[in-house]
Protein backbone atom coordinates (compact mmCIF):
# COMPACT_ATOMS: atom_id res chain seq x y z
CA MET A 1 -17.95 -146.44 -237.47
CA THR A 2 -19.73 -145.61 -240.87
CA ILE A 3 -22.09 -147.59 -243.24
CA ALA A 4 -19.71 -146.85 -246.12
CA SER A 5 -16.76 -148.49 -244.19
CA ILE A 6 -18.85 -151.79 -243.97
CA SER A 7 -17.12 -154.47 -246.08
CA ILE A 8 -19.74 -157.02 -247.32
CA SER A 9 -16.82 -159.49 -247.86
CA ASP A 10 -15.95 -159.11 -244.21
CA ILE A 11 -19.56 -159.54 -242.96
CA ILE A 12 -19.82 -162.64 -245.14
CA THR A 13 -16.46 -164.16 -243.99
CA GLN A 14 -16.90 -163.40 -240.37
CA THR A 15 -20.54 -164.77 -240.57
CA LEU A 16 -19.14 -167.97 -242.14
CA ILE A 17 -16.69 -168.09 -239.38
CA LEU A 18 -19.41 -167.79 -236.51
CA PHE A 19 -21.50 -170.60 -238.34
CA LEU A 20 -18.34 -172.69 -238.64
CA LEU A 21 -18.01 -172.49 -234.81
CA ILE A 22 -21.67 -173.06 -234.38
CA GLY A 23 -21.20 -176.16 -236.33
CA LEU A 24 -18.32 -177.16 -234.29
CA GLY A 25 -20.67 -176.84 -231.04
CA TYR A 26 -23.31 -178.79 -233.06
CA LEU A 27 -20.93 -181.64 -233.67
CA PHE A 28 -19.53 -181.81 -230.25
CA ALA A 29 -23.08 -182.08 -228.87
CA LYS A 30 -24.54 -184.50 -231.51
CA THR A 31 -21.48 -186.88 -231.27
CA LYS A 32 -21.35 -186.52 -227.44
CA TYR A 33 -17.79 -185.53 -227.70
CA LEU A 34 -18.63 -183.04 -224.84
CA PRO A 35 -21.31 -184.18 -222.14
CA GLU A 36 -24.77 -182.97 -222.43
CA SER A 37 -24.25 -180.61 -219.56
CA SER A 38 -21.81 -178.71 -221.29
CA GLY A 39 -24.44 -176.44 -222.91
CA VAL A 40 -25.56 -175.01 -219.57
CA VAL A 41 -21.98 -174.62 -218.58
CA LEU A 42 -20.95 -172.66 -221.65
CA SER A 43 -24.28 -170.65 -221.29
CA LYS A 44 -23.32 -169.49 -217.76
CA LEU A 45 -19.70 -168.99 -218.71
CA VAL A 46 -20.51 -166.76 -221.22
CA ILE A 47 -23.22 -164.67 -219.84
CA LYS A 48 -21.72 -164.41 -216.25
CA VAL A 49 -18.15 -164.31 -216.85
CA ALA A 50 -16.90 -163.82 -220.63
CA MET A 51 -19.53 -161.37 -221.84
CA PRO A 52 -19.26 -158.91 -218.97
CA ALA A 53 -15.60 -159.01 -219.11
CA THR A 54 -15.87 -158.23 -222.97
CA ILE A 55 -18.08 -155.20 -221.91
CA LEU A 56 -15.83 -154.01 -219.14
CA VAL A 57 -12.60 -154.24 -221.05
CA LYS A 58 -13.98 -152.61 -224.24
CA MET A 59 -15.38 -149.64 -222.13
CA LEU A 60 -12.19 -149.28 -220.36
CA GLY A 61 -10.16 -148.68 -223.55
CA ALA A 62 -13.08 -146.48 -225.16
CA ASP A 63 -12.69 -142.80 -225.62
CA PHE A 64 -16.38 -141.75 -225.91
CA THR A 65 -17.53 -138.31 -226.89
CA ARG A 66 -20.84 -136.38 -225.89
CA GLU A 67 -22.05 -137.52 -229.33
CA ASP A 68 -21.53 -140.85 -228.57
CA TYR A 69 -23.53 -140.99 -225.43
CA ILE A 70 -26.16 -139.05 -227.24
CA ASN A 71 -26.20 -141.75 -230.05
CA GLY A 72 -26.42 -144.45 -227.25
CA ILE A 73 -29.49 -142.89 -225.94
CA TYR A 74 -30.93 -142.74 -229.56
CA ILE A 75 -30.29 -146.61 -229.94
CA TYR A 76 -32.01 -147.33 -226.57
CA VAL A 77 -34.88 -145.44 -227.63
CA PHE A 78 -35.30 -146.83 -231.31
CA ALA A 79 -34.92 -150.24 -229.80
CA ILE A 80 -37.94 -149.75 -227.44
CA ILE A 81 -39.91 -148.18 -230.46
CA PHE A 82 -39.03 -150.85 -233.03
CA LEU A 83 -39.46 -153.73 -230.83
CA LEU A 84 -43.08 -152.52 -229.87
CA LEU A 85 -43.78 -151.90 -233.61
CA THR A 86 -42.74 -155.59 -234.08
CA LEU A 87 -45.30 -156.57 -231.26
CA GLY A 88 -47.97 -155.03 -233.04
CA ILE A 89 -47.13 -156.55 -236.38
CA SER A 90 -46.74 -159.95 -234.67
CA LEU A 91 -50.20 -159.75 -232.97
CA PHE A 92 -51.81 -159.14 -236.42
CA ALA A 93 -50.00 -161.87 -238.13
CA SER A 94 -50.77 -164.35 -235.46
CA ARG A 95 -54.39 -163.48 -235.68
CA VAL A 96 -54.37 -163.88 -239.43
CA MET A 97 -52.91 -167.23 -239.10
CA LYS A 98 -55.37 -168.29 -236.34
CA LEU A 99 -52.47 -169.49 -233.93
CA SER A 100 -53.40 -170.88 -230.54
CA ASP A 101 -52.96 -168.71 -227.50
CA LYS A 102 -49.70 -170.63 -226.52
CA THR A 103 -48.16 -170.26 -229.84
CA GLU A 104 -49.20 -166.72 -230.33
CA GLY A 105 -47.29 -165.52 -227.26
CA VAL A 106 -44.15 -167.57 -228.45
CA TYR A 107 -44.60 -166.02 -231.93
CA ALA A 108 -44.52 -162.48 -230.54
CA ILE A 109 -41.66 -162.73 -228.34
CA GLN A 110 -39.61 -164.52 -230.92
CA ALA A 111 -40.48 -161.77 -233.57
CA MET A 112 -39.42 -159.21 -231.00
CA PHE A 113 -36.13 -160.57 -229.36
CA GLY A 114 -33.32 -161.45 -231.45
CA ASN A 115 -29.91 -163.17 -230.64
CA VAL A 116 -28.50 -159.86 -229.47
CA ALA A 117 -26.06 -161.12 -226.74
CA PHE A 118 -24.69 -164.52 -228.03
CA PHE A 119 -24.71 -163.81 -231.85
CA ALA A 120 -24.71 -160.10 -232.18
CA LEU A 121 -22.04 -159.02 -229.74
CA PRO A 122 -19.43 -161.39 -230.98
CA LEU A 123 -20.24 -160.28 -234.58
CA PHE A 124 -20.00 -156.51 -233.57
CA LEU A 125 -16.78 -157.07 -231.70
CA VAL A 126 -15.00 -158.43 -234.67
CA LEU A 127 -16.46 -156.01 -237.27
CA PHE A 128 -16.56 -152.64 -235.28
CA GLY A 129 -14.23 -153.12 -232.17
CA GLU A 130 -15.14 -151.56 -228.88
CA GLU A 131 -17.27 -148.97 -230.25
CA GLY A 132 -19.65 -151.51 -231.88
CA VAL A 133 -19.84 -153.62 -228.40
CA ILE A 134 -20.81 -150.39 -226.50
CA TYR A 135 -23.36 -149.10 -228.78
CA ALA A 136 -24.65 -152.72 -228.98
CA MET A 137 -25.24 -152.65 -225.36
CA PHE A 138 -27.50 -149.66 -225.53
CA PHE A 139 -29.58 -151.76 -227.84
CA ASN A 140 -29.52 -154.61 -225.47
CA MET A 141 -30.72 -152.53 -222.67
CA GLY A 142 -33.80 -151.61 -224.49
CA ASN A 143 -34.13 -155.32 -225.50
CA ASP A 144 -34.03 -156.30 -221.87
CA THR A 145 -36.52 -153.69 -220.80
CA LEU A 146 -39.10 -155.26 -222.81
CA LEU A 147 -38.01 -158.78 -222.70
CA TRP A 148 -38.51 -159.07 -218.88
CA SER A 149 -41.77 -157.06 -218.90
CA VAL A 150 -43.72 -157.27 -222.10
CA GLY A 151 -42.12 -160.44 -223.02
CA ILE A 152 -42.84 -162.41 -220.08
CA PHE A 153 -46.33 -161.18 -220.18
CA MET A 154 -46.73 -162.31 -223.84
CA VAL A 155 -45.30 -165.71 -223.26
CA ASN A 156 -47.36 -166.25 -220.31
CA ARG A 157 -50.82 -164.81 -221.24
CA HIS A 158 -52.43 -168.38 -221.61
CA LYS A 159 -51.79 -168.29 -217.64
CA GLU A 160 -51.74 -166.06 -214.59
CA ARG A 161 -48.42 -165.20 -212.94
CA ASP A 162 -46.93 -162.21 -211.48
CA ILE A 163 -44.36 -160.90 -213.96
CA LYS A 164 -42.78 -158.40 -211.44
CA LYS A 165 -40.27 -161.03 -210.35
CA ASN A 166 -38.92 -161.41 -213.69
CA LEU A 167 -37.82 -157.59 -213.77
CA LYS A 168 -34.79 -158.55 -211.32
CA HIS A 169 -33.20 -160.20 -214.41
CA MET A 170 -32.54 -156.80 -215.66
CA ILE A 171 -29.98 -156.56 -212.96
CA ASN A 172 -27.29 -159.07 -214.18
CA ALA A 173 -23.54 -159.21 -214.68
CA ASN A 174 -23.83 -157.63 -218.20
CA THR A 175 -25.94 -154.61 -217.20
CA ILE A 176 -23.62 -154.25 -214.23
CA ALA A 177 -20.50 -154.22 -216.23
CA PHE A 178 -22.23 -151.76 -218.75
CA VAL A 179 -23.21 -149.28 -216.00
CA LEU A 180 -19.88 -149.58 -214.19
CA GLY A 181 -18.10 -149.10 -217.61
CA ILE A 182 -20.27 -145.86 -218.29
CA LEU A 183 -19.42 -144.57 -214.95
CA LEU A 184 -15.61 -145.05 -215.54
CA MET A 185 -15.93 -143.27 -218.92
CA VAL A 186 -17.96 -140.46 -217.63
CA THR A 187 -15.76 -139.77 -214.96
CA GLY A 188 -12.41 -140.27 -216.93
CA LEU A 189 -11.38 -143.02 -214.39
CA ASN A 190 -11.00 -145.52 -217.25
CA GLN A 191 -8.06 -143.47 -218.56
CA VAL A 192 -6.47 -143.22 -215.06
CA LEU A 193 -6.65 -146.70 -214.63
CA LEU A 194 -5.19 -147.64 -217.97
CA ASP A 195 -2.17 -145.16 -217.52
CA SER A 196 -1.59 -146.90 -214.09
CA LYS A 197 1.03 -149.65 -214.51
CA TYR A 198 -0.18 -151.39 -211.44
CA PHE A 199 -3.56 -152.03 -213.27
CA PHE A 200 -2.13 -153.66 -216.21
CA SER A 201 -2.02 -156.96 -215.06
CA VAL A 202 -6.01 -156.66 -214.00
CA TYR A 203 -6.63 -155.23 -217.40
CA SER A 204 -4.52 -158.21 -219.17
CA THR A 205 -6.66 -160.60 -217.21
CA ILE A 206 -10.01 -159.20 -217.87
CA ASP A 207 -8.75 -158.96 -221.55
CA TYR A 208 -7.90 -162.64 -221.58
CA VAL A 209 -11.11 -163.69 -220.26
CA ALA A 210 -12.99 -161.54 -222.74
CA SER A 211 -11.13 -163.50 -225.55
CA ILE A 212 -13.19 -166.46 -225.09
CA THR A 213 -16.60 -164.69 -225.67
CA THR A 214 -16.95 -165.21 -229.35
CA PRO A 215 -15.96 -168.98 -229.70
CA MET A 216 -17.70 -169.95 -226.49
CA SER A 217 -20.86 -168.17 -227.56
CA MET A 218 -21.07 -169.79 -231.04
CA ILE A 219 -20.32 -173.17 -229.56
CA PHE A 220 -23.00 -172.84 -227.15
CA ILE A 221 -25.49 -172.03 -230.00
CA GLY A 222 -24.39 -175.13 -231.70
CA PHE A 223 -25.23 -176.99 -228.51
CA ILE A 224 -28.70 -175.52 -228.59
CA LEU A 225 -29.26 -176.34 -232.13
CA ALA A 226 -28.19 -180.03 -231.65
CA GLY A 227 -30.91 -180.42 -229.03
CA ILE A 228 -33.57 -179.16 -231.47
CA LYS A 229 -35.53 -181.98 -232.96
CA LEU A 230 -37.04 -180.84 -236.46
CA ASN A 231 -40.31 -182.45 -237.77
CA VAL A 232 -39.75 -182.11 -241.48
CA GLY A 233 -43.36 -183.29 -242.28
CA ASP A 234 -46.47 -181.28 -242.62
CA PHE A 235 -45.59 -178.03 -244.60
CA LYS A 236 -48.56 -176.24 -243.48
CA LYS A 237 -47.29 -176.33 -239.67
CA LYS A 238 -44.03 -174.78 -240.94
CA VAL A 239 -45.82 -171.63 -242.64
CA PRO A 240 -46.06 -169.53 -239.44
CA ILE A 241 -42.35 -170.31 -238.81
CA LEU A 242 -41.32 -169.32 -242.22
CA VAL A 243 -43.48 -165.99 -241.65
CA LEU A 244 -41.96 -165.44 -238.38
CA SER A 245 -38.51 -165.68 -239.97
CA PHE A 246 -39.31 -163.41 -242.56
CA GLN A 247 -40.73 -160.89 -240.16
CA ARG A 248 -37.67 -161.20 -237.99
CA LEU A 249 -34.83 -161.35 -240.53
CA LEU A 250 -36.22 -159.12 -243.33
CA LEU A 251 -39.50 -157.19 -242.83
CA VAL A 252 -38.67 -155.25 -239.43
CA PRO A 253 -35.17 -154.29 -240.62
CA PHE A 254 -36.48 -153.10 -243.87
CA LEU A 255 -39.25 -150.94 -242.01
CA SER A 256 -36.44 -149.72 -239.76
CA MET A 257 -34.32 -148.69 -242.69
CA ALA A 258 -37.21 -146.86 -244.21
CA VAL A 259 -37.86 -144.97 -241.15
CA PHE A 260 -34.08 -144.09 -240.74
CA ALA A 261 -34.07 -142.96 -244.44
CA LEU A 262 -36.66 -140.67 -243.92
CA LEU A 263 -34.97 -139.16 -240.62
CA ASP A 264 -31.74 -139.03 -242.43
CA GLY A 265 -33.20 -136.49 -245.03
CA PHE A 266 -33.47 -134.16 -241.95
CA GLY A 267 -30.01 -135.07 -240.71
CA LEU A 268 -31.24 -136.17 -237.24
CA ILE A 269 -29.64 -139.52 -236.90
CA SER A 270 -26.20 -140.73 -237.24
CA GLU A 271 -24.79 -143.64 -239.18
CA SER A 272 -23.69 -145.53 -236.17
CA VAL A 273 -27.25 -145.45 -234.85
CA VAL A 274 -28.68 -146.69 -238.10
CA LEU A 275 -26.00 -149.27 -238.41
CA ILE A 276 -26.23 -150.96 -235.11
CA THR A 277 -30.04 -150.54 -234.72
CA VAL A 278 -30.99 -152.16 -238.01
CA LEU A 279 -28.25 -155.15 -237.60
CA GLN A 280 -29.52 -155.71 -234.06
CA LEU A 281 -33.11 -156.01 -235.60
CA ALA A 282 -31.87 -158.35 -238.29
CA MET A 283 -30.37 -160.98 -235.91
CA PRO A 284 -31.93 -164.51 -235.67
CA ILE A 285 -34.34 -165.34 -233.07
CA GLY A 286 -32.69 -165.28 -229.50
CA THR A 287 -32.17 -168.76 -228.11
CA LEU A 288 -33.47 -167.46 -224.84
CA THR A 289 -36.93 -167.36 -226.21
CA ALA A 290 -36.96 -171.20 -226.44
CA SER A 291 -35.96 -171.39 -222.64
CA LEU A 292 -38.92 -168.94 -221.81
CA ALA A 293 -41.33 -170.89 -223.69
CA MET A 294 -40.42 -174.06 -221.77
CA GLU A 295 -40.43 -172.30 -218.41
CA TYR A 296 -43.85 -170.89 -219.05
CA GLU A 297 -45.27 -174.11 -220.73
CA SER A 298 -45.93 -172.43 -224.03
CA ASP A 299 -45.56 -173.87 -227.48
CA TYR A 300 -41.82 -174.95 -226.91
CA PHE A 301 -41.73 -177.24 -230.02
CA PHE A 302 -42.64 -174.20 -232.08
CA ALA A 303 -39.97 -172.00 -230.60
CA THR A 304 -37.18 -174.46 -230.89
CA GLU A 305 -37.88 -175.09 -234.58
CA SER A 306 -38.18 -171.33 -235.07
CA VAL A 307 -34.45 -170.71 -233.43
CA PHE A 308 -33.01 -173.29 -235.64
CA ILE A 309 -34.62 -172.09 -238.92
CA SER A 310 -34.15 -168.54 -238.41
CA THR A 311 -30.46 -168.90 -237.54
CA LEU A 312 -29.80 -170.97 -240.65
CA LEU A 313 -31.65 -168.35 -242.74
CA SER A 314 -29.52 -165.59 -241.37
CA ILE A 315 -26.41 -166.71 -243.01
CA LEU A 316 -28.18 -165.34 -246.11
CA THR A 317 -30.08 -162.30 -244.73
CA LEU A 318 -27.46 -160.60 -242.80
CA PRO A 319 -25.21 -160.09 -245.85
CA LEU A 320 -28.19 -158.96 -247.59
CA ILE A 321 -29.26 -156.36 -245.00
CA SER A 322 -25.67 -155.05 -244.99
CA VAL A 323 -25.89 -154.67 -248.93
CA LEU A 324 -29.15 -152.79 -248.36
CA LEU A 325 -27.55 -150.68 -245.81
CA LYS A 326 -24.95 -149.52 -248.06
CA ILE A 327 -27.10 -148.70 -251.14
CA ILE A 328 -29.69 -146.77 -249.18
CA PHE A 329 -27.43 -144.83 -246.84
């Protein structure tokens, strides 16, 4: 998995396919072809069943080296570093724009936390195969470490609640599947299981379940976007959303590429680390941030509009970031 091997036409094609699936979900929701509760069902199906199956089946078939594990640790560390850098930029930008406390917290978490699950994993699965999915999970672990600690604190600063209970969300089906997969890979049991004819039926079943991850994830995003009501008036109110989208989709990925270009001169970082980290940082705003804004009574309308706009803009920015990766590295 190298940057030189990236096909821009493949990224554009796959991104368009994902957006067509999103459009399908949007159509299903808007026409009420599927009931309104379908979005909730799809979310749980993907997060609790399909995505863990995808992670586990790809890790069962993976053949990781010591270098791969080191790269994974690098990705985790860089995820923490760049997300905290993003937080600093967000607090500065929100103060300059004089956002209210409720909006400032939402701005911060939406700038930090992209759609690294529903959007990134299906994209990496298609583009990079099992290696891309596993590397992406190292980033997701860093993402979740901050989401359920710093993220909850930021979105809830205008109130006072204990955030310790939110840390339990870090233990979920995806992280369990990831840790189990790592253990199987480190011990070599994944190959033992794959070589067993008795395990073939189990593996095939998990693989079948995993195959629904991409379409179901995109259709779910379509349902989310269909439920967002955009207020097209008052351009001034849209400026913070546009600034947020610029920061999320372009500024932070640019900064990360600059840092990696500097480190690359010392030969410290592999291309796989650069590729996965930069593309994860370039994902549109995570749909979960809107749910958190509602749960903690923050600026939910700002959150939902930001999700919608950044998702639409990402169809242009993701190919642009990919082109820049090839040029710089």
